[in-house]
Amino acid sequence: MSSIQETNSQLIPTANIKSASEKNSVDNPQDRFLKLLVTQMQNQDPLNPLDNAEVTSQLAQISTVTGIDKLNDTLEQLLAGVEDSRTMEAANLIGHNALAPGSMLSLENNAAIGGFELPQSVDNLSVTILDSTGVAVHTLNLGPQPSGVNTFIWDGVTDSGANAANGSYSFAINAKQGDREITVDPLALGLVKSVSPGKHDAILDMGALGFINMADIKQIF
């Protein structure tokens, strides 16, 4: 009896290995294609056999599909490596201030920093500071500005000459080149608090500015 049990115990792993091998073979599209092709050749009409050119074409097609599958797997691995690298790189930004898309402005100790991105240089640019209710409290006339990312500083003084209270404000920008208005992208300054991996890029937690893709960061301080 013990001999039979030992024999059965030895056969079970072999059966499992065979089952796994057959499953892998079935899951492989190239193996399935070759099996179908062999079956087709074995059952072909003797009076109308498969054309050699047709067989060659079919083999070329499966080789192409297999090559594309392998290429896709390689690309996925490369992208995963790049995403991990970007996340590690973004981790170095924790504790740094950065400019990201937004129009929020935080006034602390009589100083607030904001920014903007211009597609071209302009003759005149002005920044209007707004309080939490949307009322304009001060306008900065910055004059000519170059293209690209630029910053501005508000000292907290209002148009009436009083010092504004510390807190959250917003701003609007008007830019002109001659008589033509130029579109401006406002940039808000925020502190990078933490970093987490995203689907295609690292995600930065910038507090009141929300979660920002690393690719959207315009300048780091």
N, C-alpha and C. Protein backbone atom coordinates (compact mmCIF):
# COMPACT_ATOMS: atom_id res chain seq x y z
N MET A 1 0.84 -1.22 0.00
CA MET A 1 0.00 0.00 0.00
C MET A 1 0.86 1.25 0.00
N SER A 2 1.88 1.28 0.85
CA SER A 2 2.76 2.46 0.92
C SER A 2 3.45 2.69 -0.39
N SER A 3 3.77 1.62 -1.10
CA SER A 3 4.43 1.75 -2.41
C SER A 3 3.53 2.44 -3.41
N ILE A 4 2.22 2.10 -3.36
CA ILE A 4 1.26 2.73 -4.27
C ILE A 4 1.11 4.20 -3.96
N GLN A 5 1.06 4.53 -2.64
CA GLN A 5 0.92 5.94 -2.25
C GLN A 5 2.12 6.75 -2.69
N GLU A 6 3.33 6.14 -2.54
CA GLU A 6 4.54 6.85 -2.96
C GLU A 6 4.51 7.08 -4.46
N THR A 7 4.03 6.05 -5.19
CA THR A 7 3.96 6.19 -6.64
C THR A 7 3.01 7.29 -7.03
N ASN A 8 1.83 7.36 -6.36
CA ASN A 8 0.85 8.40 -6.66
C ASN A 8 1.39 9.78 -6.33
N SER A 9 2.12 9.87 -5.18
CA SER A 9 2.66 11.18 -4.79
C SER A 9 3.69 11.66 -5.77
N GLN A 10 4.39 10.71 -6.42
CA GLN A 10 5.39 11.09 -7.42
C GLN A 10 4.73 11.50 -8.73
N LEU A 11 3.57 10.93 -9.01
CA LEU A 11 2.89 11.23 -10.26
C LEU A 11 2.19 12.57 -10.24
N ILE A 12 1.74 13.01 -9.06
CA ILE A 12 0.97 14.26 -8.96
C ILE A 12 1.77 15.46 -9.45
N PRO A 13 3.02 15.67 -8.94
CA PRO A 13 3.79 16.81 -9.43
C PRO A 13 4.00 16.77 -10.93
N THR A 14 4.26 15.53 -11.46
CA THR A 14 4.48 15.38 -12.90
C THR A 14 3.24 15.81 -13.67
N ALA A 15 2.08 15.43 -13.17
CA ALA A 15 0.83 15.80 -13.83
C ALA A 15 0.63 17.30 -13.78
N ASN A 16 0.95 17.89 -12.62
CA ASN A 16 0.80 19.34 -12.49
C ASN A 16 1.72 20.07 -13.43
N ILE A 17 2.98 19.57 -13.53
CA ILE A 17 3.94 20.21 -14.44
C ILE A 17 3.46 20.12 -15.88
N LYS A 18 2.94 18.93 -16.23
CA LYS A 18 2.43 18.74 -17.58
C LYS A 18 1.27 19.66 -17.85
N SER A 19 0.36 19.78 -16.87
CA SER A 19 -0.80 20.66 -17.02
C SER A 19 -0.37 22.10 -17.20
N ALA A 20 0.61 22.54 -16.40
CA ALA A 20 1.10 23.92 -16.50
C ALA A 20 1.77 24.16 -17.85
N SER A 21 2.52 23.12 -18.31
CA SER A 21 3.20 23.25 -19.59
C SER A 21 2.21 23.38 -20.72
N GLU A 22 1.13 22.54 -20.66
CA GLU A 22 0.10 22.62 -21.69
C GLU A 22 -0.60 23.96 -21.66
N LYS A 23 -0.84 24.49 -20.46
CA LYS A 23 -1.51 25.78 -20.33
C LYS A 23 -0.67 26.89 -20.95
N ASN A 24 0.65 26.87 -20.65
CA ASN A 24 1.53 27.89 -21.21
C ASN A 24 1.57 27.80 -22.72
N SER A 25 1.54 26.54 -23.21
CA SER A 25 1.56 26.36 -24.65
C SER A 25 0.30 26.90 -25.29
N VAL A 26 -0.84 26.69 -24.61
CA VAL A 26 -2.11 27.19 -25.13
C VAL A 26 -2.15 28.72 -25.09
N ASP A 27 -1.57 29.28 -24.02
CA ASP A 27 -1.60 30.73 -23.87
C ASP A 27 -0.69 31.43 -24.86
N ASN A 28 0.29 30.69 -25.43
CA ASN A 28 1.23 31.30 -26.36
C ASN A 28 0.59 31.40 -27.74
N PRO A 29 0.36 32.61 -28.27
CA PRO A 29 -0.30 32.76 -29.57
C PRO A 29 0.49 32.14 -30.71
N GLN A 30 1.83 32.15 -30.59
CA GLN A 30 2.65 31.57 -31.64
C GLN A 30 2.46 30.06 -31.70
N ASP A 31 2.38 29.40 -30.53
CA ASP A 31 2.15 27.95 -30.51
C ASP A 31 0.78 27.61 -31.08
N ARG A 32 -0.22 28.41 -30.72
CA ARG A 32 -1.57 28.15 -31.23
C ARG A 32 -1.59 28.27 -32.76
N PHE A 33 -0.90 29.29 -33.27
CA PHE A 33 -0.87 29.49 -34.72
C PHE A 33 -0.21 28.31 -35.41
N LEU A 34 0.94 27.86 -34.88
CA LEU A 34 1.65 26.76 -35.51
C LEU A 34 0.84 25.48 -35.48
N LYS A 35 0.12 25.24 -34.37
CA LYS A 35 -0.73 24.05 -34.29
C LYS A 35 -1.84 24.10 -35.33
N LEU A 36 -2.43 25.29 -35.48
CA LEU A 36 -3.49 25.44 -36.49
C LEU A 36 -2.95 25.24 -37.90
N LEU A 37 -1.73 25.79 -38.13
CA LEU A 37 -1.13 25.65 -39.45
C LEU A 37 -0.80 24.20 -39.77
N VAL A 38 -0.24 23.48 -38.78
CA VAL A 38 0.07 22.05 -38.98
C VAL A 38 -1.20 21.26 -39.24
N THR A 39 -2.25 21.54 -38.46
CA THR A 39 -3.54 20.86 -38.65
C THR A 39 -4.10 21.15 -40.03
N GLN A 40 -3.96 22.39 -40.47
CA GLN A 40 -4.46 22.78 -41.79
C GLN A 40 -3.70 22.03 -42.89
N MET A 41 -2.37 21.89 -42.71
CA MET A 41 -1.57 21.20 -43.72
C MET A 41 -1.87 19.70 -43.73
N GLN A 42 -2.12 19.14 -42.54
CA GLN A 42 -2.43 17.71 -42.47
C GLN A 42 -3.78 17.38 -43.10
N ASN A 43 -4.69 18.33 -43.06
CA ASN A 43 -6.04 18.07 -43.56
C ASN A 43 -6.33 18.79 -44.87
N GLN A 44 -5.27 19.20 -45.55
CA GLN A 44 -5.48 19.93 -46.79
C GLN A 44 -5.97 18.98 -47.90
N ASP A 45 -6.59 19.58 -48.87
CA ASP A 45 -7.08 18.82 -50.03
C ASP A 45 -5.89 18.46 -50.92
N PRO A 46 -5.64 17.17 -51.15
CA PRO A 46 -4.50 16.78 -51.99
C PRO A 46 -4.57 17.39 -53.38
N LEU A 47 -5.78 17.60 -53.86
CA LEU A 47 -5.94 18.17 -55.19
C LEU A 47 -5.81 19.69 -55.21
N ASN A 48 -5.83 20.28 -54.02
CA ASN A 48 -5.70 21.74 -53.92
C ASN A 48 -4.85 22.08 -52.70
N PRO A 49 -3.56 21.74 -52.72
CA PRO A 49 -2.71 21.95 -51.55
C PRO A 49 -2.46 23.43 -51.27
N LEU A 50 -1.99 23.68 -50.05
CA LEU A 50 -1.66 25.05 -49.67
C LEU A 50 -0.54 25.60 -50.54
N ASP A 51 -0.69 26.84 -50.90
CA ASP A 51 0.33 27.51 -51.70
C ASP A 51 1.52 27.89 -50.80
N ASN A 52 2.75 27.65 -51.29
CA ASN A 52 3.94 27.96 -50.50
C ASN A 52 4.00 29.44 -50.12
N ALA A 53 3.61 30.28 -51.05
CA ALA A 53 3.64 31.72 -50.78
C ALA A 53 2.67 32.08 -49.67
N GLU A 54 1.51 31.39 -49.65
CA GLU A 54 0.51 31.66 -48.61
C GLU A 54 1.02 31.24 -47.24
N VAL A 55 1.69 30.08 -47.19
CA VAL A 55 2.25 29.60 -45.93
C VAL A 55 3.33 30.55 -45.43
N THR A 56 4.19 30.98 -46.34
CA THR A 56 5.26 31.91 -45.97
C THR A 56 4.69 33.22 -45.45
N SER A 57 3.62 33.68 -46.11
CA SER A 57 2.98 34.92 -45.68
C SER A 57 2.40 34.79 -44.28
N GLN A 58 1.78 33.64 -43.99
CA GLN A 58 1.19 33.42 -42.67
C GLN A 58 2.28 33.36 -41.59
N LEU A 59 3.39 32.71 -41.92
CA LEU A 59 4.51 32.64 -40.97
C LEU A 59 5.08 34.03 -40.70
N ALA A 60 5.15 34.84 -41.75
CA ALA A 60 5.67 36.19 -41.58
C ALA A 60 4.74 37.02 -40.70
N GLN A 61 3.44 36.81 -40.85
CA GLN A 61 2.46 37.55 -40.05
C GLN A 61 2.58 37.22 -38.57
N ILE A 62 2.72 35.92 -38.24
CA ILE A 62 2.83 35.56 -36.82
C ILE A 62 4.14 36.04 -36.24
N SER A 63 5.19 36.06 -37.06
CA SER A 63 6.48 36.58 -36.58
C SER A 63 6.37 38.07 -36.27
N THR A 64 5.64 38.77 -37.12
CA THR A 64 5.45 40.21 -36.90
C THR A 64 4.66 40.47 -35.62
N VAL A 65 3.57 39.70 -35.45
CA VAL A 65 2.74 39.87 -34.25
C VAL A 65 3.53 39.56 -32.99
N THR A 66 4.31 38.47 -33.03
CA THR A 66 5.13 38.09 -31.88
C THR A 66 6.15 39.17 -31.57
N GLY A 67 6.76 39.71 -32.63
CA GLY A 67 7.75 40.77 -32.43
C GLY A 67 7.14 42.01 -31.81
N ILE A 68 5.91 42.35 -32.25
CA ILE A 68 5.23 43.52 -31.70
C ILE A 68 4.89 43.30 -30.23
N ASP A 69 4.45 42.10 -29.88
CA ASP A 69 4.14 41.78 -28.49
C ASP A 69 5.37 41.94 -27.61
N LYS A 70 6.51 41.42 -28.08
CA LYS A 70 7.74 41.52 -27.31
C LYS A 70 8.18 42.98 -27.18
N LEU A 71 8.00 43.74 -28.27
CA LEU A 71 8.36 45.17 -28.24
C LEU A 71 7.49 45.92 -27.24
N ASN A 72 6.19 45.60 -27.22
CA ASN A 72 5.29 46.25 -26.27
C ASN A 72 5.68 45.94 -24.83
N ASP A 73 6.05 44.67 -24.58
CA ASP A 73 6.49 44.29 -23.23
C ASP A 73 7.74 45.07 -22.82
N THR A 74 8.67 45.21 -23.77
CA THR A 74 9.90 45.95 -23.49
C THR A 74 9.61 47.42 -23.21
N LEU A 75 8.72 48.00 -24.00
CA LEU A 75 8.37 49.41 -23.81
C LEU A 75 7.69 49.63 -22.46
N GLU A 76 6.82 48.69 -22.07
CA GLU A 76 6.16 48.80 -20.77
C GLU A 76 7.17 48.77 -19.63
N GLN A 77 8.18 47.92 -19.76
CA GLN A 77 9.22 47.84 -18.74
C GLN A 77 10.03 49.13 -18.69
N LEU A 78 10.34 49.67 -19.87
CA LEU A 78 11.10 50.93 -19.92
C LEU A 78 10.30 52.07 -19.31
N LEU A 79 9.00 52.14 -19.63
CA LEU A 79 8.15 53.20 -19.09
C LEU A 79 8.03 53.09 -17.58
N ALA A 80 7.92 51.86 -17.09
CA ALA A 80 7.84 51.67 -15.64
C ALA A 80 9.11 52.15 -14.96
N GLY A 81 10.26 51.88 -15.61
CA GLY A 81 11.53 52.36 -15.06
C GLY A 81 11.63 53.87 -15.07
N VAL A 82 11.14 54.49 -16.15
CA VAL A 82 11.16 55.95 -16.24
C VAL A 82 10.26 56.57 -15.18
N GLU A 83 9.07 55.98 -14.98
CA GLU A 83 8.14 56.50 -13.98
C GLU A 83 8.73 56.42 -12.58
N ASP A 84 9.40 55.30 -12.28
CA ASP A 84 10.05 55.17 -10.97
C ASP A 84 11.14 56.21 -10.81
N SER A 85 11.90 56.44 -11.89
CA SER A 85 12.98 57.42 -11.84
C SER A 85 12.43 58.82 -11.62
N ARG A 86 11.31 59.13 -12.30
CA ARG A 86 10.69 60.45 -12.15
C ARG A 86 10.19 60.66 -10.72
N THR A 87 9.64 59.61 -10.13
CA THR A 87 9.16 59.71 -8.75
C THR A 87 10.30 59.98 -7.79
N MET A 88 11.42 59.26 -7.97
CA MET A 88 12.58 59.47 -7.13
C MET A 88 13.14 60.88 -7.31
N GLU A 89 13.14 61.35 -8.54
CA GLU A 89 13.61 62.70 -8.82
C GLU A 89 12.70 63.73 -8.16
N ALA A 90 11.40 63.51 -8.25
CA ALA A 90 10.44 64.44 -7.67
C ALA A 90 10.54 64.48 -6.15
N ALA A 91 10.96 63.37 -5.54
CA ALA A 91 11.09 63.33 -4.07
C ALA A 91 12.07 64.38 -3.57
N ASN A 92 13.03 64.76 -4.42
CA ASN A 92 14.00 65.79 -4.02
C ASN A 92 13.37 67.17 -3.92
N LEU A 93 12.13 67.32 -4.44
CA LEU A 93 11.47 68.62 -4.42
C LEU A 93 10.73 68.88 -3.10
N ILE A 94 10.58 67.85 -2.30
CA ILE A 94 9.85 68.02 -1.04
C ILE A 94 10.54 69.09 -0.19
N GLY A 95 9.73 70.05 0.27
CA GLY A 95 10.28 71.14 1.07
C GLY A 95 10.68 72.35 0.25
N HIS A 96 10.60 72.24 -1.08
CA HIS A 96 10.94 73.37 -1.96
C HIS A 96 9.67 74.07 -2.43
N ASN A 97 9.79 75.36 -2.71
CA ASN A 97 8.71 76.11 -3.34
C ASN A 97 8.81 75.97 -4.85
N ALA A 98 7.68 75.98 -5.51
CA ALA A 98 7.66 75.83 -6.96
C ALA A 98 6.49 76.59 -7.56
N LEU A 99 6.66 77.00 -8.81
CA LEU A 99 5.58 77.67 -9.54
C LEU A 99 4.81 76.63 -10.35
N ALA A 100 3.49 76.64 -10.19
CA ALA A 100 2.61 75.71 -10.90
C ALA A 100 1.41 76.50 -11.41
N PRO A 101 0.68 75.96 -12.39
CA PRO A 101 -0.51 76.65 -12.90
C PRO A 101 -1.48 77.01 -11.78
N GLY A 102 -1.92 78.26 -11.75
CA GLY A 102 -2.85 78.71 -10.73
C GLY A 102 -2.76 80.21 -10.53
N SER A 103 -3.75 80.78 -9.89
CA SER A 103 -3.78 82.24 -9.67
C SER A 103 -3.93 82.58 -8.19
N MET A 104 -3.57 81.66 -7.32
CA MET A 104 -3.62 81.94 -5.89
C MET A 104 -2.38 82.73 -5.47
N LEU A 105 -2.56 83.53 -4.42
CA LEU A 105 -1.47 84.36 -3.92
C LEU A 105 -1.56 84.38 -2.39
N SER A 106 -0.47 84.04 -1.73
CA SER A 106 -0.45 83.99 -0.27
C SER A 106 0.41 85.13 0.27
N LEU A 107 -0.21 86.01 1.05
CA LEU A 107 0.51 87.15 1.63
C LEU A 107 0.95 86.83 3.05
N GLU A 108 2.26 86.87 3.28
CA GLU A 108 2.83 86.63 4.59
C GLU A 108 3.97 87.62 4.84
N ASN A 109 3.90 88.28 6.01
CA ASN A 109 4.96 89.24 6.38
C ASN A 109 5.20 90.28 5.29
N ASN A 110 4.10 90.83 4.77
CA ASN A 110 4.16 91.90 3.76
C ASN A 110 4.88 91.48 2.48
N ALA A 111 4.73 90.23 2.08
CA ALA A 111 5.33 89.76 0.83
C ALA A 111 4.51 88.61 0.26
N ALA A 112 4.26 88.70 -1.04
CA ALA A 112 3.56 87.63 -1.76
C ALA A 112 4.22 87.50 -3.13
N ILE A 113 4.46 86.25 -3.53
CA ILE A 113 5.13 86.00 -4.81
C ILE A 113 4.20 85.21 -5.73
N GLY A 114 4.11 85.67 -6.95
CA GLY A 114 3.34 84.98 -7.97
C GLY A 114 4.15 84.94 -9.26
N GLY A 115 3.57 84.37 -10.29
CA GLY A 115 4.30 84.29 -11.55
C GLY A 115 3.35 84.22 -12.73
N PHE A 116 3.94 84.18 -13.91
CA PHE A 116 3.15 84.07 -15.14
C PHE A 116 4.08 83.58 -16.25
N GLU A 117 3.45 82.99 -17.27
CA GLU A 117 4.21 82.50 -18.43
C GLU A 117 3.67 83.15 -19.68
N LEU A 118 4.56 83.77 -20.44
CA LEU A 118 4.18 84.48 -21.65
C LEU A 118 4.65 83.72 -22.89
N PRO A 119 3.81 83.62 -23.91
CA PRO A 119 4.24 82.96 -25.15
C PRO A 119 5.16 83.85 -25.98
N GLN A 120 5.17 85.15 -25.67
CA GLN A 120 6.02 86.10 -26.38
C GLN A 120 6.25 87.31 -25.49
N SER A 121 7.19 88.15 -25.87
CA SER A 121 7.43 89.37 -25.10
C SER A 121 6.26 90.33 -25.30
N VAL A 122 6.04 91.20 -24.31
CA VAL A 122 4.92 92.16 -24.39
C VAL A 122 5.43 93.56 -24.04
N ASP A 123 4.69 94.57 -24.51
CA ASP A 123 5.05 95.96 -24.24
C ASP A 123 4.63 96.39 -22.84
N ASN A 124 3.53 95.81 -22.37
CA ASN A 124 3.03 96.22 -21.06
C ASN A 124 2.27 95.08 -20.40
N LEU A 125 2.51 94.92 -19.09
CA LEU A 125 1.82 93.87 -18.34
C LEU A 125 1.46 94.40 -16.96
N SER A 126 0.24 94.11 -16.55
CA SER A 126 -0.22 94.54 -15.23
C SER A 126 -0.83 93.37 -14.48
N VAL A 127 -0.66 93.39 -13.16
CA VAL A 127 -1.19 92.33 -12.29
C VAL A 127 -2.16 92.97 -11.30
N THR A 128 -3.39 92.49 -11.29
CA THR A 128 -4.40 93.01 -10.37
C THR A 128 -4.59 92.02 -9.22
N ILE A 129 -4.37 92.52 -7.99
CA ILE A 129 -4.53 91.67 -6.80
C ILE A 129 -5.97 91.75 -6.32
N LEU A 130 -6.56 90.58 -6.06
CA LEU A 130 -7.95 90.50 -5.63
C LEU A 130 -8.04 89.86 -4.24
N ASP A 131 -8.96 90.37 -3.41
CA ASP A 131 -9.14 89.75 -2.09
C ASP A 131 -10.05 88.54 -2.20
N SER A 132 -10.40 87.94 -1.07
CA SER A 132 -11.18 86.71 -1.07
C SER A 132 -12.59 86.88 -1.64
N THR A 133 -13.08 88.13 -1.70
CA THR A 133 -14.41 88.39 -2.26
C THR A 133 -14.34 88.79 -3.73
N GLY A 134 -13.14 88.85 -4.29
CA GLY A 134 -12.98 89.21 -5.70
C GLY A 134 -12.84 90.69 -5.94
N VAL A 135 -12.69 91.49 -4.87
CA VAL A 135 -12.54 92.94 -5.02
C VAL A 135 -11.06 93.27 -5.23
N ALA A 136 -10.77 94.12 -6.22
CA ALA A 136 -9.39 94.51 -6.50
C ALA A 136 -8.86 95.39 -5.37
N VAL A 137 -7.68 95.06 -4.85
CA VAL A 137 -7.08 95.84 -3.77
C VAL A 137 -5.82 96.57 -4.22
N HIS A 138 -5.20 96.08 -5.31
CA HIS A 138 -3.99 96.74 -5.78
C HIS A 138 -3.67 96.28 -7.20
N THR A 139 -3.03 97.18 -7.96
CA THR A 139 -2.61 96.84 -9.32
C THR A 139 -1.12 97.13 -9.47
N LEU A 140 -0.40 96.14 -9.94
CA LEU A 140 1.03 96.27 -10.21
C LEU A 140 1.23 96.49 -11.70
N ASN A 141 1.82 97.61 -12.07
CA ASN A 141 2.15 97.87 -13.47
C ASN A 141 3.61 97.49 -13.70
N LEU A 142 3.83 96.38 -14.37
CA LEU A 142 5.18 95.84 -14.53
C LEU A 142 5.86 96.24 -15.82
N GLY A 143 5.13 96.91 -16.72
CA GLY A 143 5.74 97.38 -17.96
C GLY A 143 6.10 96.24 -18.91
N PRO A 144 7.13 96.42 -19.74
CA PRO A 144 7.54 95.39 -20.70
C PRO A 144 8.04 94.14 -19.98
N GLN A 145 7.70 92.99 -20.56
CA GLN A 145 8.11 91.71 -19.98
C GLN A 145 8.56 90.76 -21.10
N PRO A 146 9.60 89.97 -20.84
CA PRO A 146 10.08 89.01 -21.85
C PRO A 146 9.20 87.75 -21.90
N SER A 147 9.35 86.99 -22.95
CA SER A 147 8.62 85.72 -23.05
C SER A 147 9.16 84.72 -22.03
N GLY A 148 8.37 83.70 -21.75
CA GLY A 148 8.78 82.67 -20.82
C GLY A 148 8.19 82.87 -19.44
N VAL A 149 8.80 82.24 -18.44
CA VAL A 149 8.32 82.30 -17.07
C VAL A 149 8.92 83.50 -16.35
N ASN A 150 8.06 84.30 -15.72
CA ASN A 150 8.49 85.48 -14.97
C ASN A 150 7.79 85.48 -13.61
N THR A 151 8.36 86.20 -12.67
CA THR A 151 7.77 86.30 -11.33
C THR A 151 7.53 87.76 -10.96
N PHE A 152 6.67 87.96 -9.96
CA PHE A 152 6.43 89.31 -9.43
C PHE A 152 6.29 89.21 -7.92
N ILE A 153 6.50 90.32 -7.24
CA ILE A 153 6.38 90.38 -5.78
C ILE A 153 5.43 91.52 -5.41
N TRP A 154 4.49 91.21 -4.55
CA TRP A 154 3.59 92.23 -4.00
C TRP A 154 3.96 92.44 -2.55
N ASP A 155 4.17 93.70 -2.18
CA ASP A 155 4.60 94.02 -0.81
C ASP A 155 3.45 94.13 0.18
N GLY A 156 2.23 93.84 -0.27
CA GLY A 156 1.08 93.86 0.62
C GLY A 156 0.42 95.22 0.76
N VAL A 157 0.96 96.25 0.09
CA VAL A 157 0.37 97.58 0.16
C VAL A 157 -0.79 97.68 -0.83
N THR A 158 -1.92 98.19 -0.37
CA THR A 158 -3.10 98.34 -1.22
C THR A 158 -3.06 99.68 -1.95
N ASP A 159 -4.03 99.88 -2.85
CA ASP A 159 -4.10 101.14 -3.59
C ASP A 159 -4.35 102.34 -2.67
N SER A 160 -4.94 102.08 -1.51
CA SER A 160 -5.20 103.16 -0.56
C SER A 160 -3.98 103.48 0.29
N GLY A 161 -2.92 102.68 0.16
CA GLY A 161 -1.71 102.91 0.94
C GLY A 161 -1.65 102.11 2.23
N ALA A 162 -2.71 101.39 2.56
CA ALA A 162 -2.74 100.59 3.78
C ALA A 162 -2.09 99.23 3.52
N ASN A 163 -1.68 98.58 4.61
CA ASN A 163 -1.12 97.24 4.50
C ASN A 163 -2.24 96.20 4.55
N ALA A 164 -2.27 95.36 3.57
CA ALA A 164 -3.29 94.31 3.53
C ALA A 164 -3.00 93.26 4.60
N ALA A 165 -4.06 92.60 5.06
CA ALA A 165 -3.90 91.56 6.08
C ALA A 165 -3.29 90.31 5.45
N ASN A 166 -2.49 89.60 6.23
CA ASN A 166 -1.94 88.34 5.75
C ASN A 166 -3.07 87.36 5.42
N GLY A 167 -2.86 86.53 4.43
CA GLY A 167 -3.88 85.56 4.06
C GLY A 167 -3.84 85.24 2.58
N SER A 168 -4.94 84.67 2.11
CA SER A 168 -5.02 84.21 0.72
C SER A 168 -5.66 85.27 -0.17
N TYR A 169 -5.05 85.49 -1.31
CA TYR A 169 -5.55 86.40 -2.34
C TYR A 169 -5.46 85.68 -3.68
N SER A 170 -5.93 86.34 -4.70
CA SER A 170 -5.79 85.83 -6.07
C SER A 170 -5.35 86.99 -6.96
N PHE A 171 -5.02 86.69 -8.19
CA PHE A 171 -4.58 87.76 -9.08
C PHE A 171 -5.02 87.47 -10.52
N ALA A 172 -5.14 88.55 -11.27
CA ALA A 172 -5.47 88.48 -12.70
C ALA A 172 -4.43 89.28 -13.46
N ILE A 173 -4.11 88.83 -14.66
CA ILE A 173 -3.04 89.46 -15.44
C ILE A 173 -3.58 89.96 -16.77
N ASN A 174 -3.13 91.15 -17.14
CA ASN A 174 -3.46 91.72 -18.44
C ASN A 174 -2.15 92.07 -19.15
N ALA A 175 -1.99 91.54 -20.36
CA ALA A 175 -0.76 91.80 -21.12
C ALA A 175 -1.10 92.25 -22.53
N LYS A 176 -0.34 93.20 -23.04
CA LYS A 176 -0.57 93.72 -24.38
C LYS A 176 0.74 93.88 -25.15
N GLN A 177 0.64 93.57 -26.43
CA GLN A 177 1.72 93.86 -27.37
C GLN A 177 1.13 94.81 -28.39
N GLY A 178 1.47 96.10 -28.23
CA GLY A 178 0.79 97.12 -29.02
C GLY A 178 -0.64 97.24 -28.56
N ASP A 179 -1.58 97.12 -29.49
CA ASP A 179 -3.00 97.17 -29.14
C ASP A 179 -3.59 95.77 -28.97
N ARG A 180 -2.78 94.77 -29.13
CA ARG A 180 -3.28 93.39 -29.11
C ARG A 180 -3.05 92.76 -27.73
N GLU A 181 -4.12 92.18 -27.20
CA GLU A 181 -4.00 91.50 -25.92
C GLU A 181 -3.34 90.13 -26.11
N ILE A 182 -2.46 89.78 -25.19
CA ILE A 182 -1.73 88.52 -25.26
C ILE A 182 -2.20 87.61 -24.12
N THR A 183 -2.45 86.35 -24.46
CA THR A 183 -2.88 85.38 -23.45
C THR A 183 -1.73 85.06 -22.49
N VAL A 184 -2.03 85.09 -21.21
CA VAL A 184 -1.02 84.85 -20.18
C VAL A 184 -1.47 83.69 -19.30
N ASP A 185 -0.54 82.81 -18.96
CA ASP A 185 -0.84 81.71 -18.03
C ASP A 185 -0.37 82.10 -16.64
N PRO A 186 -1.29 82.28 -15.69
CA PRO A 186 -0.88 82.63 -14.32
C PRO A 186 -0.23 81.45 -13.62
N LEU A 187 0.73 81.74 -12.75
CA LEU A 187 1.43 80.70 -12.01
C LEU A 187 1.42 81.04 -10.52
N ALA A 188 1.07 80.06 -9.71
CA ALA A 188 1.01 80.26 -8.27
C ALA A 188 2.20 79.59 -7.60
N LEU A 189 2.64 80.19 -6.51
CA LEU A 189 3.77 79.64 -5.76
C LEU A 189 3.24 78.76 -4.64
N GLY A 190 3.77 77.55 -4.55
CA GLY A 190 3.33 76.63 -3.50
C GLY A 190 4.48 75.80 -2.99
N LEU A 191 4.29 75.20 -1.83
CA LEU A 191 5.30 74.36 -1.20
C LEU A 191 5.01 72.89 -1.49
N VAL A 192 6.02 72.18 -1.96
CA VAL A 192 5.87 70.75 -2.22
C VAL A 192 5.91 70.00 -0.89
N LYS A 193 4.79 69.37 -0.53
CA LYS A 193 4.70 68.69 0.77
C LYS A 193 5.01 67.20 0.68
N SER A 194 4.60 66.58 -0.39
CA SER A 194 4.86 65.16 -0.55
C SER A 194 4.79 64.79 -2.03
N VAL A 195 5.26 63.59 -2.33
CA VAL A 195 5.29 63.11 -3.71
C VAL A 195 4.74 61.68 -3.74
N SER A 196 3.96 61.39 -4.77
CA SER A 196 3.44 60.03 -4.94
C SER A 196 3.49 59.67 -6.42
N PRO A 197 3.66 58.39 -6.73
CA PRO A 197 3.71 57.98 -8.14
C PRO A 197 2.34 58.08 -8.79
N GLY A 198 2.30 58.57 -10.02
CA GLY A 198 1.06 58.63 -10.78
C GLY A 198 1.10 57.62 -11.91
N LYS A 199 0.10 57.65 -12.77
CA LYS A 199 0.02 56.69 -13.86
C LYS A 199 1.11 56.93 -14.88
N HIS A 200 1.37 58.20 -15.19
CA HIS A 200 2.40 58.53 -16.18
C HIS A 200 3.44 59.51 -15.64
N ASP A 201 3.24 60.05 -14.46
CA ASP A 201 4.17 61.04 -13.94
C ASP A 201 4.01 61.12 -12.43
N ALA A 202 5.01 61.70 -11.77
CA ALA A 202 4.93 61.87 -10.33
C ALA A 202 3.91 62.95 -10.00
N ILE A 203 3.19 62.76 -8.89
CA ILE A 203 2.18 63.71 -8.45
C ILE A 203 2.69 64.44 -7.20
N LEU A 204 2.67 65.76 -7.23
CA LEU A 204 3.14 66.56 -6.11
C LEU A 204 1.96 67.11 -5.32
N ASP A 205 2.00 66.92 -4.02
CA ASP A 205 1.00 67.52 -3.14
C ASP A 205 1.51 68.90 -2.75
N MET A 206 0.82 69.96 -3.25
CA MET A 206 1.26 71.32 -3.02
C MET A 206 0.27 72.10 -2.15
N GLY A 207 -0.32 71.40 -1.19
CA GLY A 207 -1.20 72.04 -0.22
C GLY A 207 -2.40 72.69 -0.85
N ALA A 208 -2.54 74.01 -0.66
CA ALA A 208 -3.71 74.74 -1.17
C ALA A 208 -3.80 74.70 -2.69
N LEU A 209 -2.69 74.49 -3.37
CA LEU A 209 -2.72 74.42 -4.84
C LEU A 209 -3.25 73.08 -5.34
N GLY A 210 -3.32 72.10 -4.44
CA GLY A 210 -3.82 70.79 -4.83
C GLY A 210 -2.71 69.86 -5.29
N PHE A 211 -3.09 68.84 -6.05
CA PHE A 211 -2.14 67.85 -6.55
C PHE A 211 -1.74 68.23 -7.97
N ILE A 212 -0.44 68.38 -8.20
CA ILE A 212 0.08 68.87 -9.47
C ILE A 212 1.01 67.83 -10.09
N ASN A 213 0.85 67.59 -11.40
CA ASN A 213 1.78 66.72 -12.11
C ASN A 213 3.15 67.38 -12.16
N MET A 214 4.18 66.59 -12.00
CA MET A 214 5.53 67.13 -12.03
C MET A 214 5.81 67.84 -13.35
N ALA A 215 5.26 67.34 -14.44
CA ALA A 215 5.49 67.95 -15.75
C ALA A 215 4.92 69.36 -15.84
N ASP A 216 3.97 69.70 -14.95
CA ASP A 216 3.35 71.02 -14.99
C ASP A 216 4.12 72.06 -14.15
N ILE A 217 5.14 71.64 -13.42
CA ILE A 217 5.94 72.57 -12.63
C ILE A 217 6.77 73.44 -13.58
N LYS A 218 6.70 74.74 -13.39
CA LYS A 218 7.37 75.67 -14.29
C LYS A 218 8.72 76.17 -13.75
N GLN A 219 8.82 76.30 -12.45
CA GLN A 219 10.06 76.78 -11.85
C GLN A 219 10.16 76.33 -10.40
N ILE A 220 11.37 76.01 -9.97
CA ILE A 220 11.60 75.51 -8.61
C ILE A 220 12.54 76.46 -7.88
N PHE A 221 12.26 76.71 -6.61
CA PHE A 221 13.09 77.63 -5.81
C PHE A 221 13.75 76.87 -4.66
